[in-house]
PDB file of N, CA and C in Angstrom:
ATOM      1  N   MET A   1       5.110  30.745  67.032  1.00  0.00           N
ATOM      2  CA  MET A   1       5.769  30.307  68.051  1.00  0.00           C
ATOM      3  C   MET A   1       6.320  29.006  67.724  1.00  0.00           C
ATOM      4  N   PHE A   2       7.665  28.703  67.927  1.00  0.00           N
ATOM      5  CA  PHE A   2       8.245  27.515  67.540  1.00  0.00           C
ATOM      6  C   PHE A   2       8.261  26.907  68.654  1.00  0.00           C
ATOM      7  N   ILE A   3       7.815  25.419  68.454  1.00  0.00           N
ATOM      8  CA  ILE A   3       7.806  24.340  69.632  1.00  0.00           C
ATOM      9  C   ILE A   3       9.059  23.146  69.179  1.00  0.00           C
ATOM     10  N   GLU A   4      10.007  23.134  70.156  1.00  0.00           N
ATOM     11  CA  GLU A   4      11.114  22.127  69.729  1.00  0.00           C
ATOM     12  C   GLU A   4      10.893  21.165  71.096  1.00  0.00           C
ATOM     13  N   ILE A   5      10.549  19.961  70.614  1.00  0.00           N
ATOM     14  CA  ILE A   5      10.790  18.842  71.415  1.00  0.00           C
ATOM     15  C   ILE A   5      11.759  18.065  71.390  1.00  0.00           C
ATOM     16  N   LYS A   6      12.488  17.736  72.282  1.00  0.00           N
ATOM     17  CA  LYS A   6      13.705  16.911  72.424  1.00  0.00           C
ATOM     18  C   LYS A   6      13.364  15.498  72.920  1.00  0.00           C
ATOM     19  N   PRO A   7      13.118  14.493  72.046  1.00  0.00           N
ATOM     20  CA  PRO A   7      12.539  13.230  72.573  1.00  0.00           C
ATOM     21  C   PRO A   7      13.586  12.443  73.540  1.00  0.00           C
ATOM     22  N   ASN A   8      14.881  12.684  73.357  1.00  0.00           N
ATOM     23  CA  ASN A   8      16.022  12.206  74.192  1.00  0.00           C
ATOM     24  C   ASN A   8      16.042  12.795  75.491  1.00  0.00           C
ATOM     25  N   SER A   9      15.628  13.706  75.871  1.00  0.00           N
ATOM     26  CA  SER A   9      15.810  14.447  76.979  1.00  0.00           C
ATOM     27  C   SER A   9      15.277  13.792  78.233  1.00  0.00           C
ATOM     28  N   SER A  10      15.822  13.878  79.436  1.00  0.00           N
ATOM     29  CA  SER A  10      15.272  13.369  80.611  1.00  0.00           C
ATOM     30  C   SER A  10      14.039  14.115  81.032  1.00  0.00           C
ATOM     31  N   VAL A  11      13.534  15.284  80.384  1.00  0.00           N
ATOM     32  CA  VAL A  11      12.505  16.141  80.871  1.00  0.00           C
ATOM     33  C   VAL A  11      11.393  15.189  79.933  1.00  0.00           C
ATOM     34  N   PRO A  12      10.180  15.007  80.740  1.00  0.00           N
ATOM     35  CA  PRO A  12       9.077  14.452  79.904  1.00  0.00           C
ATOM     36  C   PRO A  12       8.609  15.396  78.921  1.00  0.00           C
ATOM     37  N   ILE A  13       8.053  14.709  77.792  1.00  0.00           N
ATOM     38  CA  ILE A  13       7.575  15.592  76.696  1.00  0.00           C
ATOM     39  C   ILE A  13       6.597  16.593  77.195  1.00  0.00           C
ATOM     40  N   TYR A  14       5.477  16.061  77.707  1.00  0.00           N
ATOM     41  CA  TYR A  14       4.427  17.022  78.224  1.00  0.00           C
ATOM     42  C   TYR A  14       5.071  18.114  78.855  1.00  0.00           C
ATOM     43  N   LEU A  15       5.967  18.009  79.775  1.00  0.00           N
ATOM     44  CA  LEU A  15       6.730  19.169  80.525  1.00  0.00           C
ATOM     45  C   LEU A  15       7.435  20.154  79.623  1.00  0.00           C
ATOM     46  N   GLN A  16       8.345  19.474  78.667  1.00  0.00           N
ATOM     47  CA  GLN A  16       8.796  20.377  77.718  1.00  0.00           C
ATOM     48  C   GLN A  16       7.755  21.225  76.897  1.00  0.00           C
ATOM     49  N   LEU A  17       6.811  20.698  76.439  1.00  0.00           N
ATOM     50  CA  LEU A  17       5.728  21.559  75.764  1.00  0.00           C
ATOM     51  C   LEU A  17       5.271  22.585  76.662  1.00  0.00           C
ATOM     52  N   ALA A  18       4.913  22.255  77.801  1.00  0.00           N
ATOM     53  CA  ALA A  18       4.220  23.104  78.901  1.00  0.00           C
ATOM     54  C   ALA A  18       5.288  24.378  78.983  1.00  0.00           C
ATOM     55  N   GLN A  19       6.511  23.996  79.282  1.00  0.00           N
ATOM     56  CA  GLN A  19       7.614  24.933  79.795  1.00  0.00           C
ATOM     57  C   GLN A  19       8.036  26.029  78.387  1.00  0.00           C
ATOM     58  N   GLN A  20       7.515  25.524  77.331  1.00  0.00           N
ATOM     59  CA  GLN A  20       7.777  26.251  76.277  1.00  0.00           C
ATOM     60  C   GLN A  20       6.627  27.290  76.020  1.00  0.00           C
ATOM     61  N   LEU A  21       5.669  26.646  76.326  1.00  0.00           N
ATOM     62  CA  LEU A  21       4.377  27.567  76.285  1.00  0.00           C
ATOM     63  C   LEU A  21       4.630  28.711  77.306  1.00  0.00           C
ATOM     64  N   ILE A  22       4.944  28.481  78.208  1.00  0.00           N
ATOM     65  CA  ILE A  22       5.103  29.257  79.418  1.00  0.00           C
ATOM     66  C   ILE A  22       6.305  30.330  78.970  1.00  0.00           C
ATOM     67  N   GLU A  23       7.310  29.991  78.339  1.00  0.00           N
ATOM     68  CA  GLU A  23       8.286  30.814  77.776  1.00  0.00           C
ATOM     69  C   GLU A  23       7.755  31.786  76.692  1.00  0.00           C
ATOM     70  N   GLY A  24       6.906  31.145  75.769  1.00  0.00           N
ATOM     71  CA  GLY A  24       6.191  32.038  74.838  1.00  0.00           C
ATOM     72  C   GLY A  24       5.233  33.045  75.693  1.00  0.00           C
ATOM     73  N   MET A  25       4.563  32.662  76.555  1.00  0.00           N
ATOM     74  CA  MET A  25       3.956  33.741  77.423  1.00  0.00           C
ATOM     75  C   MET A  25       4.748  34.813  77.986  1.00  0.00           C
ATOM     76  N   ALA A  26       5.955  34.317  78.672  1.00  0.00           N
ATOM     77  CA  ALA A  26       6.891  35.289  79.162  1.00  0.00           C
ATOM     78  C   ALA A  26       7.595  36.205  78.004  1.00  0.00           C
ATOM     79  N   ARG A  27       7.620  35.865  77.189  1.00  0.00           N
ATOM     80  CA  ARG A  27       8.249  36.599  75.847  1.00  0.00           C
ATOM     81  C   ARG A  27       7.099  37.469  75.293  1.00  0.00           C
ATOM     82  N   GLY A  28       5.812  37.221  75.454  1.00  0.00           N
ATOM     83  CA  GLY A  28       4.894  37.928  75.049  1.00  0.00           C
ATOM     84  C   GLY A  28       4.339  37.448  73.483  1.00  0.00           C
ATOM     85  N   GLU A  29       4.893  36.368  73.065  1.00  0.00           N
ATOM     86  CA  GLU A  29       4.416  35.793  71.925  1.00  0.00           C
ATOM     87  C   GLU A  29       3.126  35.096  72.044  1.00  0.00           C
ATOM     88  N   LEU A  30       2.734  34.559  73.251  1.00  0.00           N
ATOM     89  CA  LEU A  30       1.251  34.444  73.403  1.00  0.00           C
ATOM     90  C   LEU A  30       0.774  35.173  74.576  1.00  0.00           C
ATOM     91  N   LYS A  31      -0.293  36.085  74.103  1.00  0.00           N
ATOM     92  CA  LYS A  31      -0.993  36.954  74.856  1.00  0.00           C
ATOM     93  C   LYS A  31      -1.970  36.727  75.649  1.00  0.00           C
ATOM     94  N   PRO A  32      -2.444  37.590  76.709  1.00  0.00           N
ATOM     95  CA  PRO A  32      -3.759  37.176  77.226  1.00  0.00           C
ATOM     96  C   PRO A  32      -4.992  37.081  76.203  1.00  0.00           C
ATOM     97  N   GLY A  33      -5.655  36.042  76.325  1.00  0.00           N
ATOM     98  CA  GLY A  33      -6.745  35.858  75.507  1.00  0.00           C
ATOM     99  C   GLY A  33      -6.586  35.289  73.977  1.00  0.00           C
ATOM    100  N   ASP A  34      -5.248  34.900  73.742  1.00  0.00           N
ATOM    101  CA  ASP A  34      -4.859  34.190  72.650  1.00  0.00           C
ATOM    102  C   ASP A  34      -5.339  32.797  72.862  1.00  0.00           C
ATOM    103  N   SER A  35      -6.013  32.120  71.646  1.00  0.00           N
ATOM    104  CA  SER A  35      -6.311  30.929  71.579  1.00  0.00           C
ATOM    105  C   SER A  35      -5.209  29.928  71.327  1.00  0.00           C
ATOM    106  N   LEU A  36      -5.295  28.931  71.919  1.00  0.00           N
ATOM    107  CA  LEU A  36      -4.433  27.813  71.586  1.00  0.00           C
ATOM    108  C   LEU A  36      -4.926  26.643  70.909  1.00  0.00           C
ATOM    109  N   PRO A  37      -4.089  25.951  70.113  1.00  0.00           N
ATOM    110  CA  PRO A  37      -5.010  24.913  69.269  1.00  0.00           C
ATOM    111  C   PRO A  37      -5.522  24.099  70.094  1.00  0.00           C
ATOM    112  N   SER A  38      -6.373  23.230  69.336  1.00  0.00           N
ATOM    113  CA  SER A  38      -7.003  22.203  70.179  1.00  0.00           C
ATOM    114  C   SER A  38      -6.083  21.112  70.347  1.00  0.00           C
ATOM    115  N   VAL A  39      -6.219  20.152  71.335  1.00  0.00           N
ATOM    116  CA  VAL A  39      -5.607  19.164  71.687  1.00  0.00           C
ATOM    117  C   VAL A  39      -5.063  18.240  70.565  1.00  0.00           C
ATOM    118  N   ARG A  40      -6.234  17.937  70.016  1.00  0.00           N
ATOM    119  CA  ARG A  40      -5.967  17.063  68.496  1.00  0.00           C
ATOM    120  C   ARG A  40      -5.354  17.639  67.647  1.00  0.00           C
ATOM    121  N   SER A  41      -5.304  18.956  67.255  1.00  0.00           N
ATOM    122  CA  SER A  41      -4.899  19.535  66.287  1.00  0.00           C
ATOM    123  C   SER A  41      -3.153  19.915  66.802  1.00  0.00           C
ATOM    124  N   PHE A  42      -3.163  20.405  67.715  1.00  0.00           N
ATOM    125  CA  PHE A  42      -1.700  20.544  68.486  1.00  0.00           C
ATOM    126  C   PHE A  42      -0.857  19.153  68.423  1.00  0.00           C
ATOM    127  N   ALA A  43      -1.657  18.132  68.804  1.00  0.00           N
ATOM    128  CA  ALA A  43      -0.822  16.973  68.886  1.00  0.00           C
ATOM    129  C   ALA A  43      -0.354  16.393  67.295  1.00  0.00           C
ATOM    130  N   ALA A  44      -1.532  16.820  66.227  1.00  0.00           N
ATOM    131  CA  ALA A  44      -1.093  16.428  64.950  1.00  0.00           C
ATOM    132  C   ALA A  44       0.028  17.097  64.381  1.00  0.00           C
ATOM    133  N   ASP A  45      -0.169  18.438  64.867  1.00  0.00           N
ATOM    134  CA  ASP A  45       1.015  19.411  64.345  1.00  0.00           C
ATOM    135  C   ASP A  45       2.454  19.169  64.882  1.00  0.00           C
ATOM    136  N   LEU A  46       2.498  18.677  66.302  1.00  0.00           N
ATOM    137  CA  LEU A  46       3.856  18.334  66.789  1.00  0.00           C
ATOM    138  C   LEU A  46       3.927  16.947  66.510  1.00  0.00           C
ATOM    139  N   GLY A  47       3.254  16.278  66.065  1.00  0.00           N
ATOM    140  CA  GLY A  47       3.599  14.735  65.854  1.00  0.00           C
ATOM    141  C   GLY A  47       3.787  13.899  67.071  1.00  0.00           C
ATOM    142  N   MET A  48       2.931  14.290  68.128  1.00  0.00           N
ATOM    143  CA  MET A  48       2.954  13.770  69.280  1.00  0.00           C
ATOM    144  C   MET A  48       1.436  13.223  69.758  1.00  0.00           C
ATOM    145  N   ASN A  49       1.344  12.266  70.893  1.00  0.00           N
ATOM    146  CA  ASN A  49       0.146  11.848  71.177  1.00  0.00           C
ATOM    147  C   ASN A  49      -0.796  12.842  71.887  1.00  0.00           C
ATOM    148  N   MET A  50      -1.942  12.639  71.661  1.00  0.00           N
ATOM    149  CA  MET A  50      -3.041  13.707  72.090  1.00  0.00           C
ATOM    150  C   MET A  50      -2.924  13.690  73.681  1.00  0.00           C
ATOM    151  N   HIS A  51      -2.684  12.682  74.271  1.00  0.00           N
ATOM    152  CA  HIS A  51      -2.922  12.759  75.755  1.00  0.00           C
ATOM    153  C   HIS A  51      -1.621  13.314  76.397  1.00  0.00           C
ATOM    154  N   THR A  52      -0.435  13.682  75.427  1.00  0.00           N
ATOM    155  CA  THR A  52       0.704  14.247  76.128  1.00  0.00           C
ATOM    156  C   THR A  52       0.176  15.842  75.869  1.00  0.00           C
ATOM    157  N   VAL A  53      -0.324  16.251  74.883  1.00  0.00           N
ATOM    158  CA  VAL A  53      -0.811  17.642  74.859  1.00  0.00           C
ATOM    159  C   VAL A  53      -1.592  17.787  75.868  1.00  0.00           C
ATOM    160  N   ASN A  54      -2.738  17.081  76.005  1.00  0.00           N
ATOM    161  CA  ASN A  54      -3.820  17.111  77.020  1.00  0.00           C
ATOM    162  C   ASN A  54      -3.255  17.300  78.532  1.00  0.00           C
ATOM    163  N   LYS A  55      -2.088  16.484  78.828  1.00  0.00           N
ATOM    164  CA  LYS A  55      -1.380  16.707  80.101  1.00  0.00           C
ATOM    165  C   LYS A  55      -0.622  17.973  80.287  1.00  0.00           C
ATOM    166  N   ALA A  56      -0.106  18.456  79.188  1.00  0.00           N
ATOM    167  CA  ALA A  56       0.737  19.776  79.213  1.00  0.00           C
ATOM    168  C   ALA A  56      -0.516  20.684  79.557  1.00  0.00           C
ATOM    169  N   TYR A  57      -1.544  20.801  78.760  1.00  0.00           N
ATOM    170  CA  TYR A  57      -2.610  21.684  78.950  1.00  0.00           C
ATOM    171  C   TYR A  57      -3.349  21.699  80.330  1.00  0.00           C
ATOM    172  N   HIS A  58      -3.430  20.666  80.987  1.00  0.00           N
ATOM    173  CA  HIS A  58      -3.963  20.460  82.136  1.00  0.00           C
ATOM    174  C   HIS A  58      -2.775  21.039  83.192  1.00  0.00           C
ATOM    175  N   LEU A  59      -1.634  20.754  83.160  1.00  0.00           N
ATOM    176  CA  LEU A  59      -0.679  21.299  84.034  1.00  0.00           C
ATOM    177  C   LEU A  59      -0.603  22.909  83.960  1.00  0.00           C
ATOM    178  N   LEU A  60      -0.914  23.491  82.729  1.00  0.00           N
ATOM    179  CA  LEU A  60      -0.886  25.027  82.601  1.00  0.00           C
ATOM    180  C   LEU A  60      -2.282  25.423  83.162  1.00  0.00           C
ATOM    181  N   GLU A  61      -3.211  24.685  82.989  1.00  0.00           N
ATOM    182  CA  GLU A  61      -4.478  25.263  83.775  1.00  0.00           C
ATOM    183  C   GLU A  61      -4.512  25.090  85.154  1.00  0.00           C
ATOM    184  N   GLU A  62      -3.688  23.962  85.972  1.00  0.00           N
ATOM    185  CA  GLU A  62      -3.621  24.218  87.107  1.00  0.00           C
ATOM    186  C   GLU A  62      -2.720  25.136  87.728  1.00  0.00           C
ATOM    187  N   LYS A  63      -1.991  25.690  87.099  1.00  0.00           N
ATOM    188  CA  LYS A  63      -0.903  26.926  87.260  1.00  0.00           C
ATOM    189  C   LYS A  63      -1.829  27.955  87.146  1.00  0.00           C
ATOM    190  N   ASP A  64      -2.992  28.043  86.416  1.00  0.00           N
ATOM    191  CA  ASP A  64      -3.809  29.014  85.953  1.00  0.00           C
ATOM    192  C   ASP A  64      -3.043  30.195  85.043  1.00  0.00           C
ATOM    193  N   PHE A  65      -2.522  29.391  84.024  1.00  0.00           N
ATOM    194  CA  PHE A  65      -1.897  30.379  82.852  1.00  0.00           C
ATOM    195  C   PHE A  65      -2.895  30.084  81.725  1.00  0.00           C
ATOM    196  N   ILE A  66      -3.651  29.229  81.606  1.00  0.00           N
ATOM    197  CA  ILE A  66      -4.791  29.029  80.560  1.00  0.00           C
ATOM    198  C   ILE A  66      -5.994  28.479  81.139  1.00  0.00           C
ATOM    199  N   GLN A  67      -6.960  28.828  80.402  1.00  0.00           N
ATOM    200  CA  GLN A  67      -8.379  28.273  80.514  1.00  0.00           C
ATOM    201  C   GLN A  67      -8.702  27.305  79.658  1.00  0.00           C
ATOM    202  N   ILE A  68      -9.259  26.177  79.888  1.00  0.00           N
ATOM    203  CA  ILE A  68      -9.844  25.229  79.002  1.00  0.00           C
ATOM    204  C   ILE A  68     -11.261  25.334  79.061  1.00  0.00           C
ATOM    205  N   VAL A  69     -11.852  25.555  78.062  1.00  0.00           N
ATOM    206  CA  VAL A  69     -13.262  25.792  77.849  1.00  0.00           C
ATOM    207  C   VAL A  69     -13.983  24.618  77.268  1.00  0.00           C
ATOM    208  N   PRO A  70     -14.683  23.767  77.721  1.00  0.00           N
ATOM    209  CA  PRO A  70     -15.252  22.594  77.080  1.00  0.00           C
ATOM    210  C   PRO A  70     -15.864  23.108  75.918  1.00  0.00           C
ATOM    211  N   LYS A  71     -15.473  22.300  74.385  1.00  0.00           N
ATOM    212  CA  LYS A  71     -16.172  22.580  73.369  1.00  0.00           C
ATOM    213  C   LYS A  71     -15.933  23.779  72.660  1.00  0.00           C
ATOM    214  N   SER A  72     -15.110  24.738  73.347  1.00  0.00           N
ATOM    215  CA  SER A  72     -14.726  26.026  72.865  1.00  0.00           C
ATOM    216  C   SER A  72     -13.442  26.227  72.690  1.00  0.00           C
ATOM    217  N   GLY A  73     -12.582  25.693  73.351  1.00  0.00           N
ATOM    218  CA  GLY A  73     -10.965  25.666  73.089  1.00  0.00           C
ATOM    219  C   GLY A  73     -10.345  25.973  74.316  1.00  0.00           C
ATOM    220  N   VAL A  74      -9.030  26.325  74.074  1.00  0.00           N
ATOM    221  CA  VAL A  74      -7.954  26.776  75.110  1.00  0.00           C
ATOM    222  C   VAL A  74      -7.638  28.047  74.868  1.00  0.00           C
ATOM    223  N   ILE A  75      -7.800  29.084  76.013  1.00  0.00           N
ATOM    224  CA  ILE A  75      -7.171  30.207  75.640  1.00  0.00           C
ATOM    225  C   ILE A  75      -6.128  30.804  76.819  1.00  0.00           C
ATOM    226  N   VAL A  76      -5.176  31.586  76.431  1.00  0.00           N
ATOM    227  CA  VAL A  76      -4.229  31.894  77.320  1.00  0.00           C
ATOM    228  C   VAL A  76      -5.128  32.966  78.487  1.00  0.00           C
ATOM    229  N   ARG A  77      -4.892  32.770  79.814  1.00  0.00           N
ATOM    230  CA  ARG A  77      -5.591  33.459  80.657  1.00  0.00           C
ATOM    231  C   ARG A  77      -6.133  35.005  80.196  1.00  0.00           C
ATOM    232  N   PRO A  78      -7.309  35.183  79.980  1.00  0.00           N
ATOM    233  CA  PRO A  78      -7.824  36.377  79.414  1.00  0.00           C
ATOM    234  C   PRO A  78      -7.496  37.666  79.984  1.00  0.00           C
ATOM    235  N   LYS A  79      -7.356  37.703  81.270  1.00  0.00           N
ATOM    236  CA  LYS A  79      -7.162  38.902  82.249  1.00  0.00           C
ATOM    237  C   LYS A  79      -5.449  39.054  82.360  1.00  0.00           C
ATOM    238  N   GLY A  80      -4.868  38.180  81.872  1.00  0.00           N
ATOM    239  CA  GLY A  80      -3.383  38.358  81.946  1.00  0.00           C
ATOM    240  C   GLY A  80      -3.024  37.730  83.360  1.00  0.00           C
ATOM    241  N   MET A  81      -1.711  37.725  83.649  1.00  0.00           N
ATOM    242  CA  MET A  81      -1.249  37.263  84.983  1.00  0.00           C
ATOM    243  C   MET A  81      -0.985  38.356  85.902  1.00  0.00           C
ATOM    244  N   GLU A  82      -1.268  38.292  87.037  1.00  0.00           N
ATOM    245  CA  GLU A  82      -1.142  39.247  88.269  1.00  0.00           C
ATOM    246  C   GLU A  82       0.202  38.793  88.703  1.00  0.00           C
ATOM    247  N   LYS A  83       0.872  39.761  89.518  1.00  0.00           N
ATOM    248  CA  LYS A  83       2.020  39.588  90.127  1.00  0.00           C
ATOM    249  C   LYS A  83       2.042  38.334  91.092  1.00  0.00           C
ATOM    250  N   ALA A  84       3.115  37.452  91.105  1.00  0.00           N
ATOM    251  CA  ALA A  84       3.098  36.043  92.013  1.00  0.00           C
ATOM    252  C   ALA A  84       2.519  36.483  93.354  1.00  0.00           C
ATOM    253  N   THR A  85       1.858  35.588  93.899  1.00  0.00           N
ATOM    254  CA  THR A  85       1.311  35.738  95.111  1.00  0.00           C
ATOM    255  C   THR A  85       2.546  35.138  96.250  1.00  0.00           C
ATOM    256  N   GLN A  86       2.390  35.478  97.408  1.00  0.00           N
ATOM    257  CA  GLN A  86       3.461  34.711  98.313  1.00  0.00           C
ATOM    258  C   GLN A  86       3.595  33.320  98.196  1.00  0.00           C
ATOM    259  N   LEU A  87       2.369  32.699  97.969  1.00  0.00           N
ATOM    260  CA  LEU A  87       2.344  31.195  97.926  1.00  0.00           C
ATOM    261  C   LEU A  87       3.208  30.547  96.554  1.00  0.00           C
ATOM    262  N   GLN A  88       2.858  31.447  95.380  1.00  0.00           N
ATOM    263  CA  GLN A  88       3.592  31.030  94.272  1.00  0.00           C
ATOM    264  C   GLN A  88       4.985  31.417  94.462  1.00  0.00           C
ATOM    265  N   GLN A  89       5.275  32.296  94.910  1.00  0.00           N
ATOM    266  CA  GLN A  89       6.972  32.599  95.199  1.00  0.00           C
ATOM    267  C   GLN A  89       7.507  31.479  95.870  1.00  0.00           C
ATOM    268  N   GLN A  90       6.693  31.176  97.043  1.00  0.00           N
ATOM    269  CA  GLN A  90       7.163  29.913  97.945  1.00  0.00           C
ATOM    270  C   GLN A  90       7.346  28.797  97.115  1.00  0.00           C
ATOM    271  N   LEU A  91       6.524  28.291  96.256  1.00  0.00           N
ATOM    272  CA  LEU A  91       6.418  27.200  95.255  1.00  0.00           C
ATOM    273  C   LEU A  91       7.829  27.359  94.366  1.00  0.00           C
ATOM    274  N   LEU A  92       7.831  28.585  93.897  1.00  0.00           N
ATOM    275  CA  LEU A  92       9.006  28.545  93.117  1.00  0.00           C
ATOM    276  C   LEU A  92      10.407  28.400  93.602  1.00  0.00           C
ATOM    277  N   ALA A  93      10.378  29.079  94.723  1.00  0.00           N
ATOM    278  CA  ALA A  93      11.592  28.777  95.774  1.00  0.00           C
ATOM    279  C   ALA A  93      12.138  27.372  96.085  1.00  0.00           C
ATOM    280  N   GLU A  94      10.945  26.626  96.343  1.00  0.00           N
ATOM    281  CA  GLU A  94      10.905  25.250  96.529  1.00  0.00           C
ATOM    282  C   GLU A  94      11.579  24.478  95.218  1.00  0.00           C
ATOM    283  N   GLN A  95      11.087  24.840  94.060  1.00  0.00           N
ATOM    284  CA  GLN A  95      11.730  24.242  92.767  1.00  0.00           C
ATOM    285  C   GLN A  95      13.025  24.751  92.773  1.00  0.00           C
ATOM    286  N   ILE A  96      13.539  25.840  92.946  1.00  0.00           N
ATOM    287  CA  ILE A  96      14.780  26.427  92.684  1.00  0.00           C
ATOM    288  C   ILE A  96      16.013  25.814  93.653  1.00  0.00           C
ATOM    289  N   ARG A  97      15.524  25.783  94.811  1.00  0.00           N
ATOM    290  CA  ARG A  97      16.514  25.464  95.969  1.00  0.00           C
ATOM    291  C   ARG A  97      17.286  24.271  95.544  1.00  0.00           C
ATOM    292  N   PRO A  98      16.920  23.202  95.084  1.00  0.00           N
ATOM    293  CA  PRO A  98      17.569  21.914  94.911  1.00  0.00           C
ATOM    294  C   PRO A  98      18.666  22.181  93.585  1.00  0.00           C
ATOM    295  N   LEU A  99      18.098  23.219  92.919  1.00  0.00           N
ATOM    296  CA  LEU A  99      19.159  23.470  91.580  1.00  0.00           C
ATOM    297  C   LEU A  99      20.407  24.185  92.198  1.00  0.00           C
ATOM    298  N   LEU A 100      20.099  25.298  93.076  1.00  0.00           N
ATOM    299  CA  LEU A 100      21.012  26.024  93.594  1.00  0.00           C
ATOM    300  C   LEU A 100      22.011  25.126  94.519  1.00  0.00           C
ATOM    301  N   ALA A 101      21.486  24.062  95.279  1.00  0.00           N
ATOM    302  CA  ALA A 101      22.257  23.419  96.217  1.00  0.00           C
ATOM    303  C   ALA A 101      23.164  22.523  95.187  1.00  0.00           C
ATOM    304  N   GLU A 102      22.708  21.993  94.016  1.00  0.00           N
ATOM    305  CA  GLU A 102      23.574  21.259  93.218  1.00  0.00           C
ATOM    306  C   GLU A 102      24.647  22.249  92.588  1.00  0.00           C
ATOM    307  N   GLY A 103      24.403  23.387  92.221  1.00  0.00           N
ATOM    308  CA  GLY A 103      25.242  24.538  91.708  1.00  0.00           C
ATOM    309  C   GLY A 103      26.420  24.677  92.831  1.00  0.00           C
ATOM    310  N   MET A 104      25.953  24.689  94.124  1.00  0.00           N
ATOM    311  CA  MET A 104      26.969  24.960  95.153  1.00  0.00           C
ATOM    312  C   MET A 104      27.896  23.479  95.373  1.00  0.00           C
ATOM    313  N   VAL A 105      27.220  22.371  95.189  1.00  0.00           N
ATOM    314  CA  VAL A 105      28.171  21.351  95.216  1.00  0.00           C
ATOM    315  C   VAL A 105      29.040  21.149  93.917  1.00  0.00           C
ATOM    316  N   LEU A 106      28.635  21.777  92.819  1.00  0.00           N
ATOM    317  CA  LEU A 106      29.544  21.704  91.734  1.00  0.00           C
ATOM    318  C   LEU A 106      30.619  23.039  91.822  1.00  0.00           C
ATOM    319  N   GLN A 107      30.714  23.555  92.966  1.00  0.00           N
ATOM    320  CA  GLN A 107      31.670  24.840  93.351  1.00  0.00           C
ATOM    321  C   GLN A 107      31.350  26.050  92.596  1.00  0.00           C
ATOM    322  N   LEU A 108      30.184  26.256  92.044  1.00  0.00           N
ATOM    323  CA  LEU A 108      29.683  27.291  91.378  1.00  0.00           C
ATOM    324  C   LEU A 108      29.433  28.553  92.657  1.00  0.00           C
ATOM    325  N   SER A 109      29.950  29.592  92.640  1.00  0.00           N
ATOM    326  CA  SER A 109      29.711  30.912  93.137  1.00  0.00           C
ATOM    327  C   SER A 109      28.582  31.308  93.157  1.00  0.00           C
ATOM    328  N   GLU A 110      28.076  32.116  94.269  1.00  0.00           N
ATOM    329  CA  GLU A 110      26.697  32.853  94.228  1.00  0.00           C
ATOM    330  C   GLU A 110      26.686  33.565  93.143  1.00  0.00           C
ATOM    331  N   GLU A 111      27.949  34.304  92.907  1.00  0.00           N
ATOM    332  CA  GLU A 111      27.744  35.421  91.666  1.00  0.00           C
ATOM    333  C   GLU A 111      27.760  34.758  90.448  1.00  0.00           C
ATOM    334  N   GLU A 112      28.463  33.500  90.303  1.00  0.00           N
ATOM    335  CA  GLU A 112      28.149  32.843  89.047  1.00  0.00           C
ATOM    336  C   GLU A 112      26.986  32.330  88.733  1.00  0.00           C
ATOM    337  N   MET A 113      26.245  31.949  89.811  1.00  0.00           N
ATOM    338  CA  MET A 113      24.501  31.473  89.660  1.00  0.00           C
ATOM    339  C   MET A 113      23.853  32.725  89.400  1.00  0.00           C
ATOM    340  N   VAL A 114      24.178  33.840  89.884  1.00  0.00           N
ATOM    341  CA  VAL A 114      23.245  35.070  89.692  1.00  0.00           C
ATOM    342  C   VAL A 114      23.507  35.284  88.249  1.00  0.00           C
ATOM    343  N   VAL A 115      24.798  35.340  87.773  1.00  0.00           N
ATOM    344  CA  VAL A 115      24.987  35.641  86.345  1.00  0.00           C
ATOM    345  C   VAL A 115      24.179  34.615  85.576  1.00  0.00           C
ATOM    346  N   MET A 116      24.228  33.681  85.776  1.00  0.00           N
ATOM    347  CA  MET A 116      23.723  32.576  84.840  1.00  0.00           C
ATOM    348  C   MET A 116      22.235  32.646  84.828  1.00  0.00           C
ATOM    349  N   VAL A 117      21.454  33.012  86.085  1.00  0.00           N
ATOM    350  CA  VAL A 117      20.045  33.431  86.111  1.00  0.00           C
ATOM    351  C   VAL A 117      19.780  34.528  85.327  1.00  0.00           C
ATOM    352  N   ARG A 118      20.753  35.584  85.480  1.00  0.00           N
ATOM    353  CA  ARG A 118      20.508  36.833  84.599  1.00  0.00           C
ATOM    354  C   ARG A 118      20.496  36.509  82.936  1.00  0.00           C
ATOM    355  N   GLU A 119      21.613  35.701  82.696  1.00  0.00           N
ATOM    356  CA  GLU A 119      21.544  35.261  81.137  1.00  0.00           C
ATOM    357  C   GLU A 119      20.431  34.541  80.719  1.00  0.00           C
ATOM    358  N   LEU A 120      19.955  33.571  81.593  1.00  0.00           N
ATOM    359  CA  LEU A 120      18.641  32.904  81.254  1.00  0.00           C
ATOM    360  C   LEU A 120      17.438  33.561  81.272  1.00  0.00           C
ATOM    361  N   VAL A 121      17.275  34.728  81.920  1.00  0.00           N
ATOM    362  CA  VAL A 121      16.362  35.524  81.887  1.00  0.00           C
ATOM    363  C   VAL A 121      16.417  36.431  80.545  1.00  0.00           C
ATOM    364  N   GLN A 122      17.396  36.950  80.204  1.00  0.00           N
ATOM    365  CA  GLN A 122      17.650  37.682  78.925  1.00  0.00           C
ATOM    366  C   GLN A 122      17.535  36.741  77.448  1.00  0.00           C
ATOM    367  N   HIS A 123      17.879  35.407  77.768  1.00  0.00           N
ATOM    368  CA  HIS A 123      17.604  34.520  76.909  1.00  0.00           C
ATOM    369  C   HIS A 123      16.395  34.395  76.582  1.00  0.00           C
ATOM    370  N   ILE A 124      15.401  34.078  77.577  1.00  0.00           N
ATOM    371  CA  ILE A 124      13.933  33.812  77.519  1.00  0.00           C
ATOM    372  C   ILE A 124      13.418  35.108  76.851  1.00  0.00           C
ATOM    373  N   LYS A 125      13.718  36.382  76.953  1.00  0.00           N
ATOM    374  CA  LYS A 125      13.400  37.358  76.734  1.00  0.00           C
ATOM    375  C   LYS A 125      13.378  37.458  75.120  1.00  0.00           C
ATOM    376  N   GLU A 126      14.579  37.124  74.746  1.00  0.00           N
ATOM    377  CA  GLU A 126      15.010  37.524  73.268  1.00  0.00           C
ATOM    378  C   GLU A 126      14.380  36.012  72.487  1.00  0.00           C
ATOM    379  N   GLY A 127      14.381  35.174  73.033  1.00  0.00           N
ATOM    380  CA  GLY A 127      13.581  33.911  72.418  1.00  0.00           C
ATOM    381  C   GLY A 127      14.721  33.065  71.930  1.00  0.00           C
TER     382      GLY A 127
END
């Protein structure tokens, strides 16, 4: 899996890393039970601070996408992900809402935004 960090992005580096790992899971490049590199080795491979990788890993652990096993490593959730709960759907909707409102302010139609979402889903699937 290729990780591309954009240092000049307004998105924090730890969040870029976490988002790219999530996309890898969505595409099936990272499968349930797969091991992820240790914080130290991943940071060295990516040329970033260990604390940045650690922050990304802890965010993914909070979302229950990975398990951090002390002194053993980091693994993609071994049993795989179950369908989103009502709470998870609600949290995603809360994150999406401001973006939809911004699109509306920019005079994008509902159909244009639906097409955009479909294209993004397809892009994530294709890598």
